[in-house]
Amino acid sequence: MSSSRPEVVGHLVEWLTRIDLARPVRVAVDGPDAAGKTTLADEIAEALGPRAVRISGDDFHRPTEERLRRGPLSAEGYFLDAFDHGALRREVLEPLGPQGDRRYRTATWDHLTNSRREDPAATAATDAIVVVDGVFLLREELRDAWDVRIFVEVGEEEQMRRAVDRDTELFGSAERVRERYAVRYRPAHELYWNSARPKEAADIVIDNTDPGSPAILRWTRNGEGL
């Protein structure tokens, strides 16, 4: 079912605000690179207002020597080594979970400067809705730590268009962007899809190929307490 973007965001926000777990609600916004996860997560958080806690998986990278130990274009390296999911679980998901103290940190590593982040801990409100965007968020070691799992997909042609538009300055040329997606990013997501089957694990699947009119492909209510 396709709807206007404001309608989709509105439906998501209305549903999220009705979830009552007597603790923060942990929301994953997962999907491949350039699918539009960050934009969607930002829009959800903005619409939620003061209840929102916004966190990016990009702030939980591993140090460069670990991330690139298999080579800068290794798909396996991107899937297995790029992100410190243990830190994300330890610093965010477990403290905000059923047995947690609601004390969380928003970041542990700055991959652009390859340096540790020393952001102070904060305390989430009991009714907070914690929106985390990133890749590989529904892999086995994180899957049980989410209360709501959203997967955002995008067609390959549109993904590449966005990637070239967004990342050419970062990587130096459109050709280098296309190479990285062909050799590193897309094969890494194939490893992820084959091992974790994130679309099947997701509560909500959204096709964001047309960002102005996203299509909700599936909306279930998995998970205890939802």
N, C-alpha and C. Protein backbone atom coordinates (compact mmCIF):
# COMPACT_ATOMS: atom_id res chain seq x y z
N MET A 1 0.84 -1.19 0.00
CA MET A 1 0.00 0.00 0.00
C MET A 1 0.88 1.24 0.00
N SER A 2 0.75 2.06 -1.04
CA SER A 2 1.49 3.30 -1.12
C SER A 2 0.69 4.44 -0.49
N SER A 3 1.38 5.31 0.21
CA SER A 3 0.76 6.48 0.82
C SER A 3 1.72 7.64 0.67
N SER A 4 1.23 8.83 0.96
CA SER A 4 2.15 9.97 0.96
C SER A 4 3.12 9.80 2.12
N ARG A 5 4.26 10.44 2.01
CA ARG A 5 5.26 10.31 3.08
C ARG A 5 4.74 10.80 4.43
N PRO A 6 4.09 11.96 4.50
CA PRO A 6 3.55 12.39 5.79
C PRO A 6 2.56 11.38 6.37
N GLU A 7 1.78 10.73 5.53
CA GLU A 7 0.84 9.73 6.02
C GLU A 7 1.56 8.53 6.62
N VAL A 8 2.60 8.05 5.95
CA VAL A 8 3.36 6.91 6.46
C VAL A 8 4.01 7.24 7.80
N VAL A 9 4.67 8.40 7.85
CA VAL A 9 5.31 8.81 9.10
C VAL A 9 4.26 8.97 10.20
N GLY A 10 3.13 9.56 9.86
CA GLY A 10 2.06 9.73 10.83
C GLY A 10 1.54 8.42 11.38
N HIS A 11 1.35 7.41 10.50
CA HIS A 11 0.89 6.10 10.94
C HIS A 11 1.91 5.48 11.90
N LEU A 12 3.19 5.58 11.53
CA LEU A 12 4.23 5.01 12.38
C LEU A 12 4.26 5.66 13.76
N VAL A 13 4.20 6.97 13.78
CA VAL A 13 4.26 7.70 15.04
C VAL A 13 3.03 7.42 15.90
N GLU A 14 1.86 7.39 15.27
CA GLU A 14 0.64 7.12 16.03
C GLU A 14 0.70 5.73 16.67
N TRP A 15 1.23 4.75 15.94
CA TRP A 15 1.34 3.39 16.47
C TRP A 15 2.38 3.32 17.58
N LEU A 16 3.53 3.95 17.36
CA LEU A 16 4.59 3.90 18.35
C LEU A 16 4.16 4.54 19.67
N THR A 17 3.42 5.62 19.60
CA THR A 17 3.03 6.31 20.83
C THR A 17 1.98 5.52 21.62
N ARG A 18 1.36 4.53 21.01
CA ARG A 18 0.39 3.71 21.73
C ARG A 18 1.03 2.50 22.42
N ILE A 19 2.30 2.25 22.15
CA ILE A 19 2.98 1.13 22.80
C ILE A 19 3.35 1.51 24.23
N ASP A 20 2.94 0.70 25.16
CA ASP A 20 3.22 0.97 26.57
C ASP A 20 3.93 -0.23 27.17
N LEU A 21 5.24 -0.09 27.40
CA LEU A 21 6.04 -1.15 27.99
C LEU A 21 6.49 -0.82 29.41
N ALA A 22 6.08 0.33 29.92
CA ALA A 22 6.54 0.82 31.22
C ALA A 22 8.06 0.99 31.24
N ARG A 23 8.62 1.25 30.10
CA ARG A 23 10.06 1.52 29.91
C ARG A 23 10.22 2.05 28.50
N PRO A 24 11.42 2.50 28.12
CA PRO A 24 11.62 3.00 26.75
C PRO A 24 11.34 1.92 25.69
N VAL A 25 10.85 2.37 24.55
CA VAL A 25 10.60 1.51 23.40
C VAL A 25 11.78 1.63 22.45
N ARG A 26 12.41 0.50 22.13
CA ARG A 26 13.62 0.50 21.30
C ARG A 26 13.25 0.16 19.86
N VAL A 27 13.46 1.11 18.95
CA VAL A 27 13.02 0.98 17.56
C VAL A 27 14.23 0.92 16.63
N ALA A 28 14.33 -0.13 15.85
CA ALA A 28 15.38 -0.25 14.83
C ALA A 28 14.82 0.20 13.49
N VAL A 29 15.58 1.05 12.78
CA VAL A 29 15.26 1.42 11.40
C VAL A 29 16.42 0.91 10.56
N ASP A 30 16.25 -0.27 10.01
CA ASP A 30 17.30 -1.02 9.33
C ASP A 30 17.11 -0.93 7.82
N GLY A 31 18.14 -1.33 7.07
CA GLY A 31 18.05 -1.36 5.62
C GLY A 31 19.40 -1.13 4.99
N PRO A 32 19.51 -1.32 3.69
CA PRO A 32 20.79 -1.15 3.00
C PRO A 32 21.22 0.30 2.94
N ASP A 33 22.48 0.51 2.59
CA ASP A 33 23.01 1.86 2.42
C ASP A 33 22.21 2.62 1.37
N ALA A 34 21.95 3.89 1.65
CA ALA A 34 21.23 4.80 0.75
C ALA A 34 19.77 4.42 0.55
N ALA A 35 19.21 3.65 1.49
CA ALA A 35 17.79 3.32 1.41
C ALA A 35 16.91 4.45 1.91
N GLY A 36 17.47 5.36 2.70
CA GLY A 36 16.69 6.45 3.27
C GLY A 36 16.36 6.22 4.73
N LYS A 37 17.14 5.37 5.40
CA LYS A 37 16.90 5.06 6.82
C LYS A 37 17.04 6.28 7.71
N THR A 38 18.12 7.03 7.50
CA THR A 38 18.40 8.17 8.36
C THR A 38 17.31 9.23 8.23
N THR A 39 16.89 9.50 7.02
CA THR A 39 15.84 10.49 6.81
C THR A 39 14.55 10.06 7.47
N LEU A 40 14.17 8.79 7.30
CA LEU A 40 12.94 8.30 7.91
C LEU A 40 13.03 8.36 9.44
N ALA A 41 14.16 7.92 9.98
CA ALA A 41 14.33 7.94 11.44
C ALA A 41 14.28 9.37 11.97
N ASP A 42 14.89 10.30 11.25
CA ASP A 42 14.84 11.71 11.66
C ASP A 42 13.40 12.23 11.67
N GLU A 43 12.66 11.86 10.64
CA GLU A 43 11.27 12.34 10.55
C GLU A 43 10.40 11.75 11.66
N ILE A 44 10.62 10.48 11.97
CA ILE A 44 9.87 9.86 13.07
C ILE A 44 10.20 10.55 14.37
N ALA A 45 11.50 10.76 14.62
CA ALA A 45 11.92 11.39 15.87
C ALA A 45 11.37 12.82 15.98
N GLU A 46 11.41 13.56 14.89
CA GLU A 46 10.90 14.92 14.92
C GLU A 46 9.41 14.94 15.24
N ALA A 47 8.67 14.01 14.64
CA ALA A 47 7.23 13.97 14.89
C ALA A 47 6.91 13.49 16.30
N LEU A 48 7.77 12.68 16.88
CA LEU A 48 7.56 12.22 18.25
C LEU A 48 7.78 13.33 19.27
N GLY A 49 8.59 14.30 18.91
CA GLY A 49 8.84 15.42 19.81
C GLY A 49 9.71 15.02 21.00
N PRO A 50 9.40 15.53 22.19
CA PRO A 50 10.29 15.34 23.33
C PRO A 50 10.40 13.90 23.81
N ARG A 51 9.53 13.02 23.36
CA ARG A 51 9.64 11.61 23.77
C ARG A 51 10.77 10.89 23.02
N ALA A 52 11.23 11.46 21.93
CA ALA A 52 12.20 10.78 21.07
C ALA A 52 13.62 10.86 21.63
N VAL A 53 14.32 9.74 21.53
CA VAL A 53 15.77 9.68 21.71
C VAL A 53 16.33 9.18 20.38
N ARG A 54 17.18 9.97 19.75
CA ARG A 54 17.66 9.67 18.39
C ARG A 54 19.10 9.20 18.45
N ILE A 55 19.37 8.01 17.92
CA ILE A 55 20.71 7.42 17.93
C ILE A 55 21.02 6.87 16.54
N SER A 56 22.28 7.01 16.12
CA SER A 56 22.72 6.49 14.82
C SER A 56 23.70 5.35 15.01
N GLY A 57 23.47 4.26 14.26
CA GLY A 57 24.42 3.15 14.29
C GLY A 57 25.79 3.55 13.78
N ASP A 58 25.88 4.63 12.99
CA ASP A 58 27.17 5.09 12.49
C ASP A 58 28.08 5.57 13.61
N ASP A 59 27.52 5.84 14.78
CA ASP A 59 28.33 6.28 15.92
C ASP A 59 28.82 5.12 16.76
N PHE A 60 28.67 3.90 16.23
CA PHE A 60 29.15 2.71 16.90
C PHE A 60 30.00 1.87 15.95
N HIS A 61 30.87 2.56 15.20
CA HIS A 61 31.84 1.88 14.35
C HIS A 61 32.96 1.26 15.20
N ARG A 62 33.76 0.45 14.55
CA ARG A 62 34.99 -0.05 15.15
C ARG A 62 36.16 0.81 14.67
N PRO A 63 37.30 0.77 15.35
CA PRO A 63 38.48 1.49 14.87
C PRO A 63 38.87 1.06 13.45
N THR A 64 39.52 1.95 12.73
CA THR A 64 39.87 1.70 11.33
C THR A 64 40.66 0.42 11.14
N GLU A 65 41.62 0.17 12.03
CA GLU A 65 42.44 -1.03 11.87
C GLU A 65 41.62 -2.31 11.98
N GLU A 66 40.51 -2.27 12.70
CA GLU A 66 39.62 -3.43 12.78
C GLU A 66 38.65 -3.45 11.60
N ARG A 67 38.12 -2.29 11.25
CA ARG A 67 37.13 -2.21 10.18
C ARG A 67 37.70 -2.65 8.84
N LEU A 68 38.98 -2.31 8.59
CA LEU A 68 39.56 -2.55 7.27
C LEU A 68 40.59 -3.66 7.26
N ARG A 69 40.60 -4.50 8.27
CA ARG A 69 41.63 -5.53 8.36
C ARG A 69 41.53 -6.56 7.23
N ARG A 70 40.38 -6.71 6.62
CA ARG A 70 40.22 -7.63 5.49
C ARG A 70 40.40 -6.92 4.15
N GLY A 71 40.65 -5.61 4.19
CA GLY A 71 40.82 -4.82 2.98
C GLY A 71 39.70 -3.80 2.84
N PRO A 72 39.98 -2.64 2.22
CA PRO A 72 39.00 -1.55 2.14
C PRO A 72 37.78 -1.86 1.29
N LEU A 73 37.86 -2.88 0.42
CA LEU A 73 36.72 -3.22 -0.42
C LEU A 73 36.13 -4.58 -0.07
N SER A 74 36.49 -5.12 1.07
CA SER A 74 35.99 -6.44 1.46
C SER A 74 34.53 -6.38 1.90
N ALA A 75 33.69 -7.14 1.23
CA ALA A 75 32.29 -7.22 1.63
C ALA A 75 32.15 -7.92 2.98
N GLU A 76 32.91 -8.97 3.17
CA GLU A 76 32.88 -9.69 4.45
C GLU A 76 33.35 -8.78 5.58
N GLY A 77 34.36 -7.95 5.29
CA GLY A 77 34.84 -7.02 6.28
C GLY A 77 33.79 -6.00 6.68
N TYR A 78 33.02 -5.52 5.70
CA TYR A 78 31.96 -4.56 6.01
C TYR A 78 30.89 -5.20 6.89
N PHE A 79 30.50 -6.42 6.56
CA PHE A 79 29.46 -7.10 7.30
C PHE A 79 29.91 -7.50 8.71
N LEU A 80 31.14 -8.01 8.82
CA LEU A 80 31.59 -8.58 10.09
C LEU A 80 32.36 -7.61 10.98
N ASP A 81 33.06 -6.64 10.38
CA ASP A 81 34.03 -5.86 11.15
C ASP A 81 33.72 -4.37 11.29
N ALA A 82 32.80 -3.84 10.50
CA ALA A 82 32.66 -2.38 10.45
C ALA A 82 32.05 -1.80 11.72
N PHE A 83 31.09 -2.50 12.33
CA PHE A 83 30.33 -1.91 13.42
C PHE A 83 30.51 -2.69 14.71
N ASP A 84 30.52 -1.96 15.81
CA ASP A 84 30.67 -2.56 17.14
C ASP A 84 29.28 -2.79 17.71
N HIS A 85 28.66 -3.87 17.28
CA HIS A 85 27.31 -4.14 17.74
C HIS A 85 27.27 -4.52 19.22
N GLY A 86 28.38 -5.04 19.73
CA GLY A 86 28.46 -5.30 21.16
C GLY A 86 28.33 -4.02 21.96
N ALA A 87 28.99 -2.96 21.49
CA ALA A 87 28.90 -1.67 22.18
C ALA A 87 27.49 -1.08 22.08
N LEU A 88 26.85 -1.22 20.91
CA LEU A 88 25.48 -0.72 20.76
C LEU A 88 24.55 -1.44 21.72
N ARG A 89 24.73 -2.72 21.83
CA ARG A 89 23.88 -3.48 22.76
C ARG A 89 24.17 -3.08 24.21
N ARG A 90 25.45 -2.99 24.53
CA ARG A 90 25.87 -2.72 25.91
C ARG A 90 25.52 -1.30 26.35
N GLU A 91 25.71 -0.30 25.46
CA GLU A 91 25.56 1.10 25.84
C GLU A 91 24.15 1.65 25.61
N VAL A 92 23.36 0.96 24.78
CA VAL A 92 22.04 1.49 24.44
C VAL A 92 20.93 0.48 24.73
N LEU A 93 20.99 -0.66 24.07
CA LEU A 93 19.83 -1.54 24.06
C LEU A 93 19.57 -2.22 25.40
N GLU A 94 20.61 -2.70 26.04
CA GLU A 94 20.40 -3.35 27.33
C GLU A 94 20.01 -2.37 28.44
N PRO A 95 20.67 -1.19 28.55
CA PRO A 95 20.23 -0.24 29.57
C PRO A 95 18.79 0.22 29.40
N LEU A 96 18.30 0.23 28.17
CA LEU A 96 16.93 0.68 27.90
C LEU A 96 15.94 -0.47 27.86
N GLY A 97 16.41 -1.68 28.11
CA GLY A 97 15.58 -2.86 28.07
C GLY A 97 14.90 -3.17 29.39
N PRO A 98 14.28 -4.35 29.49
CA PRO A 98 13.46 -4.69 30.66
C PRO A 98 14.21 -4.64 31.99
N GLN A 99 15.49 -5.00 32.00
CA GLN A 99 16.25 -5.03 33.25
C GLN A 99 17.21 -3.84 33.36
N GLY A 100 17.09 -2.87 32.46
CA GLY A 100 18.05 -1.78 32.42
C GLY A 100 17.74 -0.64 33.38
N ASP A 101 18.74 0.24 33.54
CA ASP A 101 18.58 1.40 34.41
C ASP A 101 18.28 2.69 33.65
N ARG A 102 18.07 2.58 32.33
CA ARG A 102 17.74 3.69 31.43
C ARG A 102 18.89 4.67 31.24
N ARG A 103 20.10 4.30 31.66
CA ARG A 103 21.29 5.13 31.44
C ARG A 103 21.96 4.65 30.16
N TYR A 104 22.06 5.52 29.17
CA TYR A 104 22.56 5.12 27.86
C TYR A 104 23.57 6.15 27.34
N ARG A 105 24.34 5.75 26.33
CA ARG A 105 25.25 6.64 25.63
C ARG A 105 24.88 6.65 24.16
N THR A 106 25.05 7.80 23.52
CA THR A 106 24.63 7.93 22.12
C THR A 106 25.72 7.58 21.12
N ALA A 107 26.96 7.37 21.58
CA ALA A 107 28.07 7.11 20.64
C ALA A 107 29.25 6.53 21.41
N THR A 108 30.07 5.74 20.68
CA THR A 108 31.31 5.24 21.27
C THR A 108 32.52 5.51 20.39
N TRP A 109 32.30 5.67 19.06
CA TRP A 109 33.46 5.83 18.17
C TRP A 109 33.12 6.74 17.00
N ASP A 110 34.03 7.68 16.68
CA ASP A 110 33.90 8.56 15.52
C ASP A 110 34.75 7.98 14.40
N HIS A 111 34.08 7.39 13.39
CA HIS A 111 34.84 6.71 12.32
C HIS A 111 35.52 7.70 11.39
N LEU A 112 35.06 8.96 11.35
CA LEU A 112 35.68 9.94 10.47
C LEU A 112 37.04 10.40 11.00
N THR A 113 37.14 10.50 12.32
CA THR A 113 38.42 10.90 12.94
C THR A 113 39.16 9.70 13.54
N ASN A 114 38.51 8.52 13.49
CA ASN A 114 39.06 7.30 14.08
C ASN A 114 39.49 7.53 15.53
N SER A 115 38.54 8.02 16.30
CA SER A 115 38.82 8.32 17.70
C SER A 115 37.62 7.98 18.57
N ARG A 116 37.90 7.71 19.83
CA ARG A 116 36.85 7.35 20.76
C ARG A 116 35.99 8.56 21.09
N ARG A 117 34.69 8.32 21.23
CA ARG A 117 33.76 9.35 21.68
C ARG A 117 33.57 9.21 23.18
N GLU A 118 33.65 10.29 23.86
CA GLU A 118 33.50 10.28 25.32
C GLU A 118 32.23 11.02 25.73
N ASP A 119 31.18 10.89 24.95
CA ASP A 119 29.92 11.55 25.28
C ASP A 119 29.41 11.07 26.64
N PRO A 120 28.93 11.96 27.49
CA PRO A 120 28.43 11.55 28.80
C PRO A 120 27.16 10.72 28.68
N ALA A 121 26.92 9.89 29.66
CA ALA A 121 25.70 9.10 29.68
C ALA A 121 24.51 10.00 29.98
N ALA A 122 23.34 9.59 29.49
CA ALA A 122 22.09 10.29 29.75
C ALA A 122 21.08 9.28 30.27
N THR A 123 20.01 9.78 30.85
CA THR A 123 18.95 8.91 31.35
C THR A 123 17.69 9.12 30.53
N ALA A 124 17.18 8.04 29.94
CA ALA A 124 15.97 8.13 29.14
C ALA A 124 14.74 8.15 30.04
N ALA A 125 13.73 8.89 29.62
CA ALA A 125 12.46 8.88 30.33
C ALA A 125 11.80 7.50 30.21
N THR A 126 10.96 7.19 31.14
CA THR A 126 10.28 5.89 31.10
C THR A 126 9.48 5.71 29.82
N ASP A 127 8.89 6.79 29.31
CA ASP A 127 8.06 6.70 28.11
C ASP A 127 8.81 7.09 26.84
N ALA A 128 10.14 7.10 26.89
CA ALA A 128 10.93 7.48 25.70
C ALA A 128 10.74 6.47 24.58
N ILE A 129 10.86 6.96 23.37
CA ILE A 129 10.88 6.11 22.17
C ILE A 129 12.23 6.33 21.52
N VAL A 130 13.05 5.29 21.51
CA VAL A 130 14.44 5.39 21.09
C VAL A 130 14.54 4.91 19.65
N VAL A 131 14.87 5.81 18.73
CA VAL A 131 14.88 5.53 17.30
C VAL A 131 16.33 5.41 16.84
N VAL A 132 16.72 4.21 16.41
CA VAL A 132 18.09 3.93 16.01
C VAL A 132 18.10 3.53 14.54
N ASP A 133 18.84 4.26 13.71
CA ASP A 133 18.97 3.85 12.31
C ASP A 133 20.35 3.26 12.08
N GLY A 134 20.45 2.36 11.09
CA GLY A 134 21.74 1.78 10.76
C GLY A 134 21.58 0.55 9.89
N VAL A 135 22.70 0.03 9.45
CA VAL A 135 22.72 -1.21 8.69
C VAL A 135 22.96 -2.39 9.62
N PHE A 136 22.47 -3.55 9.22
CA PHE A 136 22.71 -4.82 9.93
C PHE A 136 22.13 -4.83 11.35
N LEU A 137 21.10 -4.06 11.60
CA LEU A 137 20.57 -3.96 12.97
C LEU A 137 19.75 -5.17 13.37
N LEU A 138 19.30 -5.97 12.41
CA LEU A 138 18.48 -7.12 12.75
C LEU A 138 19.26 -8.43 12.67
N ARG A 139 20.57 -8.33 12.77
CA ARG A 139 21.38 -9.55 12.80
C ARG A 139 21.14 -10.26 14.13
N GLU A 140 21.58 -11.52 14.20
CA GLU A 140 21.21 -12.38 15.30
C GLU A 140 21.57 -11.80 16.66
N GLU A 141 22.76 -11.18 16.78
CA GLU A 141 23.21 -10.73 18.10
C GLU A 141 22.49 -9.48 18.60
N LEU A 142 21.67 -8.87 17.75
CA LEU A 142 20.91 -7.69 18.18
C LEU A 142 19.40 -7.90 18.13
N ARG A 143 18.95 -8.88 17.40
CA ARG A 143 17.54 -8.97 17.04
C ARG A 143 16.61 -8.99 18.24
N ASP A 144 16.97 -9.70 19.29
CA ASP A 144 16.07 -9.83 20.43
C ASP A 144 16.05 -8.58 21.31
N ALA A 145 16.92 -7.62 21.03
CA ALA A 145 17.02 -6.42 21.86
C ALA A 145 16.18 -5.26 21.33
N TRP A 146 15.44 -5.48 20.25
CA TRP A 146 14.55 -4.44 19.71
C TRP A 146 13.12 -4.73 20.09
N ASP A 147 12.35 -3.67 20.32
CA ASP A 147 10.92 -3.81 20.55
C ASP A 147 10.12 -3.64 19.27
N VAL A 148 10.62 -2.81 18.37
CA VAL A 148 10.01 -2.60 17.05
C VAL A 148 11.11 -2.66 16.01
N ARG A 149 10.86 -3.41 14.93
CA ARG A 149 11.87 -3.60 13.89
C ARG A 149 11.30 -3.13 12.55
N ILE A 150 11.88 -2.06 12.02
CA ILE A 150 11.47 -1.51 10.73
C ILE A 150 12.57 -1.78 9.73
N PHE A 151 12.21 -2.31 8.56
CA PHE A 151 13.19 -2.53 7.50
C PHE A 151 12.80 -1.67 6.30
N VAL A 152 13.75 -0.87 5.82
CA VAL A 152 13.54 0.03 4.68
C VAL A 152 14.31 -0.51 3.48
N GLU A 153 13.61 -0.77 2.39
CA GLU A 153 14.28 -1.25 1.20
C GLU A 153 14.19 -0.23 0.08
N VAL A 154 15.03 -0.43 -0.96
CA VAL A 154 15.09 0.51 -2.08
C VAL A 154 15.54 -0.25 -3.31
N GLY A 155 15.04 0.12 -4.48
CA GLY A 155 15.48 -0.48 -5.73
C GLY A 155 16.93 -0.15 -6.02
N GLU A 156 17.63 -1.05 -6.70
CA GLU A 156 19.07 -0.88 -6.92
C GLU A 156 19.39 0.37 -7.73
N GLU A 157 18.62 0.67 -8.74
CA GLU A 157 18.90 1.85 -9.57
C GLU A 157 18.78 3.13 -8.75
N GLU A 158 17.73 3.21 -7.95
CA GLU A 158 17.54 4.39 -7.11
C GLU A 158 18.59 4.46 -6.00
N GLN A 159 18.94 3.30 -5.47
CA GLN A 159 20.00 3.27 -4.46
C GLN A 159 21.29 3.85 -5.01
N MET A 160 21.67 3.43 -6.20
CA MET A 160 22.92 3.92 -6.79
C MET A 160 22.84 5.41 -7.10
N ARG A 161 21.70 5.86 -7.58
CA ARG A 161 21.55 7.29 -7.86
C ARG A 161 21.78 8.10 -6.58
N ARG A 162 21.16 7.67 -5.50
CA ARG A 162 21.33 8.38 -4.23
C ARG A 162 22.77 8.30 -3.73
N ALA A 163 23.36 7.12 -3.88
CA ALA A 163 24.73 6.94 -3.40
C ALA A 163 25.70 7.85 -4.13
N VAL A 164 25.57 7.94 -5.44
CA VAL A 164 26.45 8.82 -6.21
C VAL A 164 26.23 10.27 -5.81
N ASP A 165 24.98 10.63 -5.65
CA ASP A 165 24.67 12.01 -5.26
C ASP A 165 25.23 12.34 -3.88
N ARG A 166 25.14 11.39 -2.97
CA ARG A 166 25.55 11.63 -1.58
C ARG A 166 27.04 11.46 -1.33
N ASP A 167 27.66 10.47 -1.98
CA ASP A 167 29.00 10.02 -1.57
C ASP A 167 30.13 10.37 -2.53
N THR A 168 29.83 11.03 -3.65
CA THR A 168 30.90 11.34 -4.61
C THR A 168 31.98 12.21 -3.97
N GLU A 169 31.59 13.21 -3.23
CA GLU A 169 32.60 14.07 -2.59
C GLU A 169 33.42 13.28 -1.57
N LEU A 170 32.77 12.38 -0.84
CA LEU A 170 33.46 11.58 0.17
C LEU A 170 34.50 10.67 -0.44
N PHE A 171 34.16 9.99 -1.55
CA PHE A 171 35.05 8.99 -2.14
C PHE A 171 35.85 9.51 -3.33
N GLY A 172 35.56 10.71 -3.79
CA GLY A 172 36.40 11.32 -4.80
C GLY A 172 35.86 11.32 -6.21
N SER A 173 35.00 10.36 -6.55
CA SER A 173 34.42 10.32 -7.89
C SER A 173 33.22 9.39 -7.89
N ALA A 174 32.34 9.58 -8.89
CA ALA A 174 31.18 8.70 -9.03
C ALA A 174 31.61 7.27 -9.30
N GLU A 175 32.70 7.10 -10.06
CA GLU A 175 33.19 5.76 -10.39
C GLU A 175 33.61 5.00 -9.13
N ARG A 176 34.25 5.69 -8.20
CA ARG A 176 34.67 5.04 -6.97
C ARG A 176 33.47 4.68 -6.09
N VAL A 177 32.45 5.52 -6.12
CA VAL A 177 31.23 5.18 -5.39
C VAL A 177 30.61 3.92 -5.96
N ARG A 178 30.49 3.85 -7.29
CA ARG A 178 29.89 2.67 -7.92
C ARG A 178 30.71 1.42 -7.62
N GLU A 179 32.03 1.56 -7.62
CA GLU A 179 32.89 0.41 -7.31
C GLU A 179 32.64 -0.09 -5.89
N ARG A 180 32.57 0.83 -4.94
CA ARG A 180 32.37 0.42 -3.55
C ARG A 180 31.03 -0.27 -3.35
N TYR A 181 30.01 0.22 -4.01
CA TYR A 181 28.71 -0.43 -3.87
C TYR A 181 28.70 -1.79 -4.55
N ALA A 182 29.35 -1.90 -5.70
CA ALA A 182 29.35 -3.16 -6.42
C ALA A 182 30.20 -4.23 -5.72
N VAL A 183 31.31 -3.81 -5.11
CA VAL A 183 32.28 -4.77 -4.57
C VAL A 183 32.12 -4.97 -3.06
N ARG A 184 31.79 -3.90 -2.33
CA ARG A 184 31.77 -3.97 -0.86
C ARG A 184 30.36 -3.95 -0.28
N TYR A 185 29.58 -2.93 -0.57
CA TYR A 185 28.33 -2.73 0.15
C TYR A 185 27.24 -3.71 -0.25
N ARG A 186 26.94 -3.83 -1.53
CA ARG A 186 25.86 -4.73 -1.93
C ARG A 186 26.17 -6.19 -1.59
N PRO A 187 27.39 -6.68 -1.88
CA PRO A 187 27.68 -8.07 -1.47
C PRO A 187 27.60 -8.26 0.04
N ALA A 188 27.96 -7.24 0.82
CA ALA A 188 27.85 -7.35 2.28
C ALA A 188 26.39 -7.51 2.69
N HIS A 189 25.51 -6.77 2.05
CA HIS A 189 24.10 -6.90 2.37
C HIS A 189 23.54 -8.23 1.91
N GLU A 190 24.09 -8.81 0.86
CA GLU A 190 23.67 -10.16 0.47
C GLU A 190 24.05 -11.17 1.55
N LEU A 191 25.24 -11.00 2.14
CA LEU A 191 25.63 -11.85 3.26
C LEU A 191 24.65 -11.69 4.41
N TYR A 192 24.28 -10.46 4.68
CA TYR A 192 23.34 -10.17 5.75
C TYR A 192 21.97 -10.77 5.47
N TRP A 193 21.45 -10.53 4.26
CA TRP A 193 20.13 -11.05 3.93
C TRP A 193 20.09 -12.57 4.00
N ASN A 194 21.14 -13.22 3.53
CA ASN A 194 21.16 -14.68 3.51
C ASN A 194 21.31 -15.28 4.90
N SER A 195 22.01 -14.58 5.79
CA SER A 195 22.24 -15.13 7.12
C SER A 195 21.18 -14.72 8.13
N ALA A 196 20.69 -13.47 8.05
CA ALA A 196 19.77 -12.96 9.07
C ALA A 196 18.33 -12.83 8.59
N ARG A 197 18.12 -12.80 7.27
CA ARG A 197 16.78 -12.63 6.70
C ARG A 197 16.02 -11.48 7.38
N PRO A 198 16.58 -10.27 7.30
CA PRO A 198 16.02 -9.15 8.06
C PRO A 198 14.60 -8.78 7.68
N LYS A 199 14.22 -8.92 6.42
CA LYS A 199 12.86 -8.57 6.02
C LYS A 199 11.85 -9.48 6.70
N GLU A 200 12.23 -10.74 6.87
CA GLU A 200 11.33 -11.67 7.55
C GLU A 200 11.26 -11.38 9.04
N ALA A 201 12.35 -10.87 9.60
CA ALA A 201 12.40 -10.57 11.03
C ALA A 201 11.73 -9.25 11.38
N ALA A 202 11.53 -8.40 10.38
CA ALA A 202 11.00 -7.06 10.63
C ALA A 202 9.50 -7.09 10.93
N ASP A 203 9.06 -6.17 11.78
CA ASP A 203 7.64 -5.97 12.03
C ASP A 203 6.99 -5.17 10.91
N ILE A 204 7.78 -4.23 10.36
CA ILE A 204 7.29 -3.34 9.31
C ILE A 204 8.32 -3.30 8.19
N VAL A 205 7.88 -3.49 6.95
CA VAL A 205 8.76 -3.40 5.78
C VAL A 205 8.23 -2.29 4.88
N ILE A 206 9.12 -1.35 4.54
CA ILE A 206 8.73 -0.19 3.74
C ILE A 206 9.61 -0.13 2.50
N ASP A 207 8.99 -0.05 1.32
CA ASP A 207 9.72 0.19 0.08
C ASP A 207 9.83 1.70 -0.09
N ASN A 208 11.05 2.21 0.00
CA ASN A 208 11.29 3.65 -0.06
C ASN A 208 11.91 4.06 -1.39
N THR A 209 11.69 3.27 -2.44
CA THR A 209 12.24 3.61 -3.75
C THR A 209 11.71 4.96 -4.24
N ASP A 210 10.43 5.20 -4.00
CA ASP A 210 9.85 6.52 -4.26
C ASP A 210 9.68 7.19 -2.91
N PRO A 211 10.60 8.05 -2.50
CA PRO A 211 10.53 8.61 -1.15
C PRO A 211 9.31 9.48 -0.91
N GLY A 212 8.73 10.03 -1.95
CA GLY A 212 7.54 10.84 -1.78
C GLY A 212 6.30 10.02 -1.54
N SER A 213 6.35 8.75 -1.91
CA SER A 213 5.19 7.86 -1.75
C SER A 213 5.67 6.47 -1.36
N PRO A 214 6.16 6.32 -0.13
CA PRO A 214 6.66 5.00 0.30
C PRO A 214 5.53 3.97 0.32
N ALA A 215 5.91 2.71 0.09
CA ALA A 215 4.92 1.63 0.10
C ALA A 215 5.16 0.76 1.33
N ILE A 216 4.14 0.59 2.14
CA ILE A 216 4.22 -0.32 3.28
C ILE A 216 3.92 -1.72 2.76
N LEU A 217 4.94 -2.57 2.75
CA LEU A 217 4.79 -3.92 2.20
C LEU A 217 4.28 -4.90 3.23
N ARG A 218 4.63 -4.67 4.49
CA ARG A 218 4.14 -5.54 5.56
C ARG A 218 4.11 -4.76 6.87
N TRP A 219 3.10 -5.04 7.67
CA TRP A 219 2.99 -4.40 8.99
C TRP A 219 2.40 -5.44 9.92
N THR A 220 3.23 -6.02 10.76
CA THR A 220 2.79 -7.01 11.73
C THR A 220 3.00 -6.45 13.13
N ARG A 221 2.60 -7.23 14.12
CA ARG A 221 2.78 -6.79 15.50
C ARG A 221 3.48 -7.90 16.27
N ASN A 222 4.72 -8.16 15.91
CA ASN A 222 5.49 -9.19 16.58
C ASN A 222 6.05 -8.65 17.89
N GLY A 223 6.36 -9.52 18.80
CA GLY A 223 7.05 -9.13 20.02
C GLY A 223 6.09 -9.03 21.20
N GLU A 224 6.49 -9.53 22.32
CA GLU A 224 5.68 -9.47 23.52
C GLU A 224 5.46 -8.04 23.96
N GLY A 225 4.26 -7.75 24.37
CA GLY A 225 3.96 -6.43 24.93
C GLY A 225 3.56 -5.41 23.90
N LEU A 226 3.63 -5.73 22.59
CA LEU A 226 3.27 -4.73 21.58
C LEU A 226 1.80 -4.94 21.16
